[in-house]
Amino acid sequence: MPAAATATAVAAEPSVCAPLPVLGRDVAVPLVTGGEVTYAALDQAASAPALQRVWDDVAAYAPYYGSVHRGAGYLSQLSTDLFENARRTVAEFLDCRDGDEVVFTRSTTDSLNLLAAALPDGCEVFVFETEHHAALLPWRRAGRVTFLDAPDSPAQAVAALERALADRDPYGPALVCVTGASNVTGELWPVRELAAAAHAHGARIVLDAAQLAPHRAVSVRELDVDWVAFSGHKLYAPFGSGVLAGRADWLREAEPYLAGGGASRTVVRRADGGVDVRWHETAARHEAGSPNVIGAYAVASACKALTEAGFEALAAREDALVRAVREGLADVPEVRFLSLFGDDAPRVGVLSFVVDGWNSSHFAAALSAEYGIGVRDGLFCAHPLVRRLLGGDTGGAGECGAPEPGALNAIRVSFGAGTPEEHVARFVRAVRELVRDGARWTYRTVDGRCVPGASGRA
């Protein structure tokens, strides 16, 4: 498909909804070649722009800001109701079971570290090497960890997990951690089948839904996962909020993630001069300190907005954007997309690629400086996976402008519910022009980043 036709093609797709209004949609950025252009935010797998509705909801609440729980004042009571209603909204969004807890955290990383701190004694964790570091690394301090090789297909992932769980010795408590959608390739993982395998072998499973929840409906009941973790800043809410939702027993039996006010029910001095503490047995046990009320409210607002927009319509639009990129670059042989399960595997709006003859940092810098397009380059906090996809075990990012065969970095383009079709069309056009004509500006490496050089035009 010619690059110029991509925006029209996406707009013509049946049942494709309009982009949801987001903050920053009209921000203009300067180009090194002169003039300005509306910024194309195509790095939404890292952080998505806040929905305008979420921002408006937060702004409407801000004058009524108050500290939650135990406060006698009107604003405190109002904020407490808002905070606890946000918890219920998230539980509905995730289709949680009766008795599941929703714990507000700072991020997916925080959520999974919390769960790692709550593992029972002797628990062994099973995790694929394909995970984001937030899901790959927290377990190393918690006990035994088995790292599984990257699979070549969803079926191979399920089979590998079943073998590993069956062969564990001793056959004690176990936890499986798996992503719902890869932050590198966007590919959807067989979560329901992996959950069935885990439960068949007496293990539990936690779903890293950081990349899944903004793009697809997540049902704890239907997927039959024990816990779900996600971040607000990827769900079109501001930074600083996250969620861990799921079974209460391990959380209830663990020491509080943070010790302090809010987590404790009573604290009394003992005769020997020490203190005895009774901790809460609800989500408050792991929410010590004054909570991020605005963050929780923003997450709940985003959950409502996405539910009302309808994930079926959002997914259809996103699928059309993915097709526009792939078809728009299909006749550019220098562009190679990265994939574990194959080019036709179902995926969310995340695509990573390399360009023959280009250092990826150089290419990403040119997209930004010359076209006003924000993408990401590097290893995407998933080093083992990207190294496998690029076919290398060692090597650095390489110097800016140096198309070193051994340079291990890639480019990621990602979009979401608020991405305009024009931004995707501009991206396709820019990639084609850079491959055909090269960069129009000179670039240099500064503190490990490729930036426009002072010498000007190439």
Protein backbone atom coordinates (compact mmCIF):
# COMPACT_ATOMS: atom_id res chain seq x y z
CA MET A 1 0.00 0.00 0.00
CA PRO A 2 1.50 3.40 -0.93
CA ALA A 3 2.35 5.49 2.10
CA ALA A 4 0.03 8.32 1.08
CA ALA A 5 -2.96 5.98 1.15
CA THR A 6 -2.57 4.68 4.70
CA ALA A 7 -4.59 7.35 6.51
CA THR A 8 -7.45 7.09 4.03
CA ALA A 9 -7.42 3.31 4.26
CA VAL A 10 -7.62 3.34 8.05
CA ALA A 11 -10.41 5.89 8.06
CA ALA A 12 -12.36 3.76 5.58
CA GLU A 13 -12.19 0.58 7.66
CA PRO A 14 -15.70 -0.53 8.71
CA SER A 15 -16.51 -0.39 12.45
CA VAL A 16 -13.34 1.62 13.15
CA CYS A 17 -13.97 4.29 15.79
CA ALA A 18 -12.48 7.76 15.91
CA PRO A 19 -9.43 8.32 18.12
CA LEU A 20 -10.24 9.16 21.73
CA PRO A 21 -9.29 12.74 22.73
CA VAL A 22 -5.97 12.81 24.60
CA LEU A 23 -3.78 15.49 26.12
CA GLY A 24 -1.05 16.82 23.86
CA ARG A 25 -2.86 16.06 20.63
CA ASP A 26 -2.21 19.60 19.34
CA VAL A 27 1.34 20.11 20.65
CA ALA A 28 3.67 21.52 17.99
CA VAL A 29 7.39 20.65 17.99
CA PRO A 30 10.25 22.25 16.02
CA LEU A 31 12.01 20.48 13.17
CA VAL A 32 15.76 20.83 12.61
CA THR A 33 15.03 21.45 8.96
CA GLY A 34 12.83 24.43 9.82
CA GLY A 35 9.24 25.01 10.85
CA GLU A 36 7.00 23.10 13.22
CA VAL A 37 4.73 20.08 13.04
CA THR A 38 2.15 18.52 15.34
CA TYR A 39 3.94 15.97 17.50
CA ALA A 40 3.22 12.34 16.62
CA ALA A 41 3.40 10.40 19.90
CA LEU A 42 4.17 6.88 18.72
CA ASP A 43 5.90 5.63 21.86
CA GLN A 44 2.76 4.69 23.73
CA ALA A 45 4.05 1.30 24.84
CA ALA A 46 6.30 3.31 27.18
CA SER A 47 3.68 5.83 28.34
CA ALA A 48 0.39 6.73 26.74
CA PRO A 49 -0.93 10.31 26.80
CA ALA A 50 -3.67 10.84 29.36
CA LEU A 51 -7.20 10.81 28.03
CA GLN A 52 -8.78 14.26 28.05
CA ARG A 53 -11.68 12.82 30.02
CA VAL A 54 -9.32 11.50 32.69
CA TRP A 55 -7.62 14.88 32.98
CA ASP A 56 -10.98 16.65 33.20
CA ASP A 57 -12.14 14.27 35.94
CA VAL A 58 -8.97 14.86 37.93
CA ALA A 59 -9.27 18.63 37.50
CA ALA A 60 -12.88 18.53 38.69
CA TYR A 61 -11.87 16.62 41.82
CA ALA A 62 -8.76 18.68 42.63
CA PRO A 63 -10.55 21.44 44.64
CA TYR A 64 -11.98 18.74 46.91
CA TYR A 65 -8.60 17.13 47.57
CA GLY A 66 -8.34 15.60 51.03
CA SER A 67 -6.48 12.91 52.95
CA VAL A 68 -8.33 9.59 52.96
CA HIS A 69 -9.43 7.35 55.84
CA ARG A 70 -10.08 8.39 59.42
CA GLY A 71 -10.50 12.07 58.64
CA ALA A 72 -13.65 13.63 60.15
CA GLY A 73 -13.85 16.53 57.69
CA TYR A 74 -16.12 16.63 54.66
CA LEU A 75 -13.28 16.65 52.11
CA SER A 76 -11.58 13.72 53.81
CA GLN A 77 -14.79 11.71 53.75
CA LEU A 78 -15.44 12.68 50.13
CA SER A 79 -11.92 11.63 49.13
CA THR A 80 -12.25 8.35 51.02
CA ASP A 81 -15.46 7.51 49.17
CA LEU A 82 -13.81 8.44 45.87
CA PHE A 83 -10.75 6.30 46.65
CA GLU A 84 -12.75 3.23 47.64
CA ASN A 85 -15.13 3.65 44.70
CA ALA A 86 -12.06 3.73 42.45
CA ARG A 87 -11.09 0.35 43.89
CA ARG A 88 -14.51 -1.05 43.02
CA THR A 89 -14.35 0.42 39.51
CA VAL A 90 -11.00 -1.28 38.87
CA ALA A 91 -12.38 -4.58 40.18
CA GLU A 92 -15.28 -4.30 37.72
CA PHE A 93 -12.93 -3.35 34.89
CA LEU A 94 -10.88 -6.50 35.53
CA ASP A 95 -13.94 -8.69 36.19
CA CYS A 96 -12.47 -9.78 39.51
CA ARG A 97 -13.87 -12.65 41.56
CA ASP A 98 -15.68 -12.24 44.84
CA GLY A 99 -13.05 -11.94 47.53
CA ASP A 100 -10.29 -10.65 45.26
CA GLU A 101 -8.33 -7.65 46.50
CA VAL A 102 -7.41 -4.56 44.50
CA VAL A 103 -4.22 -2.98 45.82
CA PHE A 104 -3.18 0.43 44.51
CA THR A 105 0.54 0.67 43.83
CA ARG A 106 2.88 2.98 41.94
CA SER A 107 3.23 0.90 38.76
CA THR A 108 3.38 -2.61 37.29
CA THR A 109 6.96 -2.85 38.57
CA ASP A 110 5.80 -1.96 42.06
CA SER A 111 2.91 -4.43 41.86
CA LEU A 112 5.09 -7.37 40.89
CA ASN A 113 7.70 -6.52 43.50
CA LEU A 114 4.89 -6.46 46.06
CA LEU A 115 3.76 -9.93 44.99
CA ALA A 116 7.36 -11.16 45.05
CA ALA A 117 7.58 -10.03 48.68
CA ALA A 118 4.39 -11.98 49.46
CA LEU A 119 5.46 -15.37 48.10
CA PRO A 120 5.12 -18.24 50.56
CA ASP A 121 8.25 -20.01 51.78
CA GLY A 122 9.67 -22.44 49.28
CA CYS A 123 7.79 -20.96 46.32
CA GLU A 124 9.45 -21.44 42.94
CA VAL A 125 8.80 -18.89 40.20
CA PHE A 126 8.65 -19.73 36.49
CA VAL A 127 9.08 -16.93 34.01
CA PHE A 128 9.93 -16.77 30.30
CA GLU A 129 13.04 -14.87 29.25
CA THR A 130 10.78 -12.84 26.97
CA GLU A 131 9.37 -10.78 29.84
CA HIS A 132 9.86 -7.09 30.49
CA HIS A 133 12.39 -6.58 33.27
CA ALA A 134 9.54 -5.55 35.59
CA ALA A 135 8.25 -9.12 35.36
CA LEU A 136 11.62 -10.84 34.90
CA LEU A 137 13.67 -9.51 37.81
CA PRO A 138 11.62 -9.09 41.04
CA TRP A 139 11.65 -12.81 41.81
CA ARG A 140 15.43 -13.15 42.07
CA ARG A 141 15.35 -11.98 45.69
CA ALA A 142 12.33 -14.09 46.59
CA GLY A 143 13.74 -17.59 46.17
CA ARG A 144 14.11 -20.11 43.37
CA VAL A 145 13.50 -18.89 39.84
CA THR A 146 13.37 -20.94 36.64
CA PHE A 147 13.88 -18.88 33.50
CA LEU A 148 12.26 -20.50 30.46
CA ASP A 149 13.62 -20.06 26.94
CA ALA A 150 11.71 -17.94 24.46
CA PRO A 151 9.15 -20.08 22.62
CA ASP A 152 8.59 -20.04 18.88
CA SER A 153 4.81 -20.36 19.13
CA PRO A 154 2.00 -20.09 21.70
CA ALA A 155 1.67 -23.89 21.73
CA GLN A 156 5.37 -24.26 22.45
CA ALA A 157 5.07 -21.81 25.34
CA VAL A 158 2.32 -23.89 26.95
CA ALA A 159 4.22 -27.15 26.41
CA ALA A 160 7.44 -25.73 27.84
CA LEU A 161 5.66 -24.47 30.93
CA GLU A 162 3.90 -27.79 31.49
CA ARG A 163 7.21 -29.68 31.33
CA ALA A 164 8.93 -27.28 33.70
CA LEU A 165 6.13 -27.38 36.25
CA ALA A 166 5.84 -31.16 36.13
CA ASP A 167 9.58 -31.60 36.61
CA ARG A 168 10.00 -29.20 39.52
CA ASP A 169 11.68 -30.67 42.56
CA PRO A 170 10.56 -30.31 45.24
CA TYR A 171 6.95 -30.22 44.05
CA GLY A 172 5.97 -27.30 46.27
CA PRO A 173 4.24 -23.95 45.82
CA ALA A 174 4.90 -22.30 42.49
CA LEU A 175 4.08 -19.10 40.65
CA VAL A 176 4.09 -18.44 36.91
CA CYS A 177 4.57 -14.87 35.67
CA VAL A 178 3.61 -14.11 32.07
CA THR A 179 2.85 -11.08 29.94
CA GLY A 180 -0.44 -10.66 28.16
CA ALA A 181 1.08 -8.78 25.24
CA SER A 182 4.77 -8.32 24.49
CA ASN A 183 6.14 -4.81 24.94
CA VAL A 184 8.60 -5.59 22.11
CA THR A 185 6.57 -7.35 19.43
CA GLY A 186 3.02 -6.61 20.58
CA GLU A 187 2.16 -10.30 20.19
CA LEU A 188 -0.62 -11.71 22.36
CA TRP A 189 0.33 -14.59 24.64
CA PRO A 190 -1.90 -17.62 25.33
CA VAL A 191 -2.77 -16.51 28.84
CA ARG A 192 -5.82 -18.73 29.35
CA GLU A 193 -3.92 -21.83 28.23
CA LEU A 194 -0.91 -20.98 30.39
CA ALA A 195 -3.21 -20.44 33.37
CA ALA A 196 -4.79 -23.84 32.80
CA ALA A 197 -1.33 -25.43 32.64
CA ALA A 198 -0.26 -23.70 35.84
CA HIS A 199 -3.34 -24.75 37.78
CA ALA A 200 -3.14 -28.32 36.48
CA HIS A 201 0.28 -28.58 38.11
CA GLY A 202 -0.65 -26.89 41.39
CA ALA A 203 0.85 -23.49 40.53
CA ARG A 204 -0.57 -20.00 40.51
CA ILE A 205 -0.17 -17.39 37.79
CA VAL A 206 0.19 -13.61 37.69
CA LEU A 207 -0.54 -11.71 34.49
CA ASP A 208 1.56 -8.69 33.56
CA ALA A 209 -1.17 -6.75 31.79
CA ALA A 210 0.78 -3.50 31.35
CA GLN A 211 0.59 -3.80 27.55
CA LEU A 212 -2.66 -5.76 27.41
CA ALA A 213 -5.08 -3.75 29.56
CA PRO A 214 -4.89 -0.54 27.45
CA HIS A 215 -5.76 -2.47 24.29
CA ARG A 216 -7.94 -5.47 25.13
CA ALA A 217 -10.53 -6.36 27.74
CA VAL A 218 -8.96 -8.25 30.65
CA SER A 219 -11.17 -10.63 32.63
CA VAL A 220 -9.65 -12.29 35.67
CA ARG A 221 -12.50 -14.80 35.60
CA GLU A 222 -12.28 -15.74 31.92
CA LEU A 223 -8.49 -15.89 31.83
CA ASP A 224 -8.54 -17.70 35.20
CA VAL A 225 -5.42 -15.91 36.41
CA ASP A 226 -4.70 -15.48 40.09
CA TRP A 227 -3.39 -11.91 39.89
CA VAL A 228 -3.22 -9.07 37.39
CA ALA A 229 -0.77 -6.15 37.44
CA PHE A 230 -0.88 -3.01 35.30
CA SER A 231 0.19 0.64 35.24
CA GLY A 232 -1.92 3.77 35.02
CA HIS A 233 0.51 5.60 32.77
CA LYS A 234 0.03 3.02 30.01
CA LEU A 235 -3.75 3.05 30.52
CA TYR A 236 -4.12 6.73 29.53
CA ALA A 237 -3.87 8.00 33.13
CA PRO A 238 -1.08 10.17 34.60
CA PHE A 239 2.13 8.76 36.06
CA GLY A 240 2.48 7.32 39.54
CA SER A 241 -0.36 4.82 39.86
CA GLY A 242 -0.66 1.08 39.36
CA VAL A 243 -2.72 -1.93 40.39
CA LEU A 244 -2.21 -5.43 41.73
CA ALA A 245 -5.52 -7.30 41.78
CA GLY A 246 -6.29 -10.89 42.65
CA ARG A 247 -6.39 -13.52 45.34
CA ALA A 248 -6.22 -12.28 48.90
CA ASP A 249 -4.65 -15.19 50.78
CA TRP A 250 -0.95 -14.77 49.93
CA LEU A 251 -1.27 -11.01 50.37
CA ARG A 252 -3.05 -11.40 53.69
CA GLU A 253 -0.47 -13.82 55.07
CA ALA A 254 2.58 -11.79 54.01
CA GLU A 255 4.28 -9.06 55.96
CA PRO A 256 3.18 -5.62 54.74
CA TYR A 257 5.04 -4.47 51.65
CA LEU A 258 5.69 -1.18 53.47
CA ALA A 259 5.36 -0.73 57.21
CA GLY A 260 3.60 2.39 58.47
CA GLY A 261 0.34 4.14 59.05
CA GLY A 262 -2.64 2.85 57.13
CA ALA A 263 -1.27 -0.70 57.04
CA SER A 264 -1.57 -1.09 60.82
CA ARG A 265 -4.79 -1.60 62.77
CA THR A 266 -3.35 -1.26 66.27
CA VAL A 267 0.11 -0.63 67.71
CA VAL A 268 0.70 -1.12 71.47
CA ARG A 269 3.74 -1.00 73.70
CA ARG A 270 4.79 -4.20 75.40
CA ALA A 271 6.00 -4.51 78.94
CA ASP A 272 9.51 -5.14 77.67
CA GLY A 273 9.50 -1.79 75.85
CA GLY A 274 8.89 -3.11 72.34
CA VAL A 275 5.75 -2.81 70.26
CA ASP A 276 3.13 -5.25 69.02
CA VAL A 277 1.37 -4.57 65.74
CA ARG A 278 -1.85 -5.90 64.27
CA TRP A 279 -1.91 -5.37 60.53
CA HIS A 280 -4.93 -4.92 58.32
CA GLU A 281 -6.03 -8.02 56.41
CA THR A 282 -7.43 -6.13 53.43
CA ALA A 283 -5.68 -4.23 50.64
CA ALA A 284 -4.75 -1.56 53.18
CA ARG A 285 -2.16 -4.01 54.55
CA HIS A 286 0.04 -3.18 51.54
CA GLU A 287 -0.91 0.50 51.13
CA ALA A 288 0.98 2.10 54.01
CA GLY A 289 1.26 5.87 54.00
CA SER A 290 -1.03 8.46 52.48
CA PRO A 291 -2.19 6.92 49.23
CA ASN A 292 -2.15 8.49 45.79
CA VAL A 293 -5.85 9.33 45.72
CA ILE A 294 -5.68 11.30 42.50
CA GLY A 295 -3.74 8.49 40.85
CA ALA A 296 -6.32 5.89 41.89
CA TYR A 297 -9.16 8.13 40.72
CA ALA A 298 -7.40 8.70 37.39
CA VAL A 299 -6.98 4.97 36.84
CA ALA A 300 -10.66 4.39 37.60
CA SER A 301 -11.63 7.19 35.20
CA ALA A 302 -9.53 5.59 32.45
CA CYS A 303 -11.13 2.21 33.14
CA LYS A 304 -14.59 3.75 32.73
CA ALA A 305 -13.62 5.62 29.56
CA LEU A 306 -12.18 2.54 27.84
CA THR A 307 -15.12 0.38 28.87
CA GLU A 308 -17.60 2.90 27.50
CA ALA A 309 -15.65 3.31 24.25
CA GLY A 310 -15.78 -0.47 23.81
CA PHE A 311 -12.72 -2.64 23.45
CA GLU A 312 -14.07 -4.30 20.33
CA ALA A 313 -14.16 -0.98 18.49
CA LEU A 314 -10.81 0.12 19.95
CA ALA A 315 -9.16 -3.15 18.92
CA ALA A 316 -10.60 -2.95 15.40
CA ARG A 317 -9.14 0.52 14.95
CA GLU A 318 -5.80 -0.54 16.36
CA ASP A 319 -5.68 -3.57 14.06
CA ALA A 320 -6.25 -1.23 11.12
CA LEU A 321 -3.31 0.95 12.23
CA VAL A 322 -1.06 -2.11 12.50
CA ARG A 323 -2.05 -3.16 8.99
CA ALA A 324 -1.41 0.36 7.70
CA VAL A 325 2.17 0.23 9.01
CA ARG A 326 2.94 -3.27 7.80
CA GLU A 327 1.36 -2.83 4.38
CA GLY A 328 2.82 0.64 3.97
CA LEU A 329 6.34 -0.75 4.48
CA ALA A 330 5.84 -4.16 2.87
CA ASP A 331 7.75 -3.16 -0.28
CA VAL A 332 10.70 -1.71 1.69
CA PRO A 333 13.06 -4.70 1.96
CA GLU A 334 15.44 -2.83 4.29
CA VAL A 335 12.80 -2.85 7.05
CA ARG A 336 12.58 -6.08 9.09
CA PHE A 337 9.91 -6.45 11.76
CA LEU A 338 10.69 -8.50 14.85
CA SER A 339 8.43 -11.36 15.88
CA LEU A 340 8.44 -14.48 18.04
CA PHE A 341 5.27 -16.16 16.78
CA GLY A 342 5.28 -14.99 13.16
CA ASP A 343 4.17 -11.91 11.24
CA ASP A 344 0.52 -12.96 11.25
CA ALA A 345 0.30 -13.51 15.02
CA PRO A 346 -2.41 -11.47 16.78
CA ARG A 347 -0.94 -8.40 18.44
CA VAL A 348 -1.70 -5.05 20.01
CA GLY A 349 -0.44 -1.77 18.56
CA VAL A 350 3.26 -2.41 19.18
CA LEU A 351 5.77 -3.11 16.40
CA SER A 352 9.56 -3.30 16.62
CA PHE A 353 11.87 -3.34 13.63
CA VAL A 354 15.38 -2.77 12.36
CA VAL A 355 16.50 -1.06 9.16
CA ASP A 356 19.39 -2.46 7.16
CA GLY A 357 22.26 0.00 6.92
CA TRP A 358 21.06 2.09 9.85
CA ASN A 359 21.90 2.27 13.52
CA SER A 360 18.51 2.22 15.23
CA SER A 361 19.33 5.17 17.51
CA HIS A 362 20.27 7.24 14.46
CA PHE A 363 17.04 6.29 12.69
CA ALA A 364 14.89 7.14 15.72
CA ALA A 365 16.67 10.48 16.15
CA ALA A 366 16.00 11.36 12.51
CA LEU A 367 12.32 10.49 12.86
CA SER A 368 12.12 12.88 15.80
CA ALA A 369 14.26 15.77 14.58
CA GLU A 370 13.17 15.79 10.93
CA TYR A 371 9.57 14.57 11.12
CA GLY A 372 8.34 15.29 14.65
CA ILE A 373 7.70 11.59 15.35
CA GLY A 374 8.45 10.11 18.76
CA VAL A 375 9.38 6.42 18.77
CA ARG A 376 11.69 4.39 21.02
CA ASP A 377 15.01 2.74 20.26
CA GLY A 378 17.10 0.31 22.27
CA LEU A 379 16.32 -2.96 24.03
CA PHE A 380 13.03 -1.82 25.60
CA CYS A 381 13.75 -3.17 29.12
CA ALA A 382 13.50 -6.66 27.63
CA HIS A 383 17.17 -7.35 26.92
CA PRO A 384 17.10 -11.16 26.63
CA LEU A 385 14.15 -11.08 24.22
CA VAL A 386 15.53 -8.36 21.95
CA ARG A 387 18.95 -10.02 21.89
CA ARG A 388 17.31 -13.26 20.82
CA LEU A 389 15.25 -11.57 18.12
CA LEU A 390 18.32 -9.79 16.79
CA GLY A 391 20.40 -12.94 16.91
CA GLY A 392 23.10 -11.74 19.30
CA ASP A 393 24.16 -12.33 22.88
CA THR A 394 26.60 -9.48 23.35
CA GLY A 395 27.27 -6.06 21.97
CA GLY A 396 26.27 -2.50 22.67
CA ALA A 397 24.03 -0.04 20.96
CA GLY A 398 26.76 1.19 18.62
CA GLU A 399 27.67 4.77 17.81
CA CYS A 400 25.21 7.12 16.21
CA GLY A 401 25.31 6.83 12.45
CA ALA A 402 27.34 3.61 12.52
CA PRO A 403 25.39 0.75 10.88
CA GLU A 404 27.34 -1.89 12.76
CA PRO A 405 26.08 -5.44 12.06
CA GLY A 406 26.63 -6.37 15.71
CA ALA A 407 24.88 -3.34 17.21
CA LEU A 408 22.06 -4.66 19.37
CA ASN A 409 19.21 -2.19 19.34
CA ALA A 410 15.92 -1.86 17.52
CA ILE A 411 13.17 0.70 16.88
CA ARG A 412 9.70 0.43 18.35
CA VAL A 413 6.58 2.20 17.12
CA SER A 414 3.48 1.94 19.28
CA PHE A 415 0.09 3.56 19.28
CA GLY A 416 -3.23 3.41 21.06
CA ALA A 417 -6.75 4.69 21.49
CA GLY A 418 -5.82 8.32 20.83
CA THR A 419 -3.48 7.92 17.84
CA PRO A 420 -4.66 9.86 14.76
CA GLU A 421 -4.43 8.12 11.39
CA GLU A 422 -2.33 11.01 10.08
CA HIS A 423 0.42 10.23 12.58
CA VAL A 424 0.68 6.67 11.32
CA ALA A 425 0.65 7.84 7.70
CA ARG A 426 3.42 10.34 8.51
CA PHE A 427 5.45 7.61 10.17
CA VAL A 428 5.19 5.31 7.13
CA ARG A 429 6.11 8.15 4.80
CA ALA A 430 9.07 9.15 6.97
CA VAL A 431 10.46 5.62 7.14
CA ARG A 432 10.22 5.25 3.38
CA GLU A 433 11.93 8.61 2.80
CA LEU A 434 14.75 7.93 5.26
CA VAL A 435 15.45 4.53 3.75
CA ARG A 436 15.38 5.97 0.22
CA ASP A 437 17.11 9.33 0.70
CA GLY A 438 18.94 9.14 4.03
CA ALA A 439 18.87 11.69 6.83
CA ARG A 440 18.82 15.36 5.88
CA TRP A 441 20.78 16.37 8.99
CA THR A 442 23.98 15.35 10.71
CA TYR A 443 23.86 13.55 14.07
CA ARG A 444 26.26 12.77 16.88
CA THR A 445 26.31 10.72 20.08
CA VAL A 446 25.99 12.60 23.38
CA ASP A 447 25.76 10.69 26.67
CA GLY A 448 24.77 7.57 24.78
CA ARG A 449 21.98 9.26 22.82
CA CYS A 450 21.94 10.20 19.16
CA VAL A 451 21.14 13.90 18.76
CA PRO A 452 21.21 16.43 15.90
CA GLY A 453 24.69 17.76 15.29
CA ALA A 454 25.66 21.40 15.26
CA SER A 455 27.10 21.19 11.75
CA GLY A 456 23.65 21.18 10.19
CA ARG A 457 22.48 19.55 6.98
CA ALA A 458 23.97 16.27 5.88
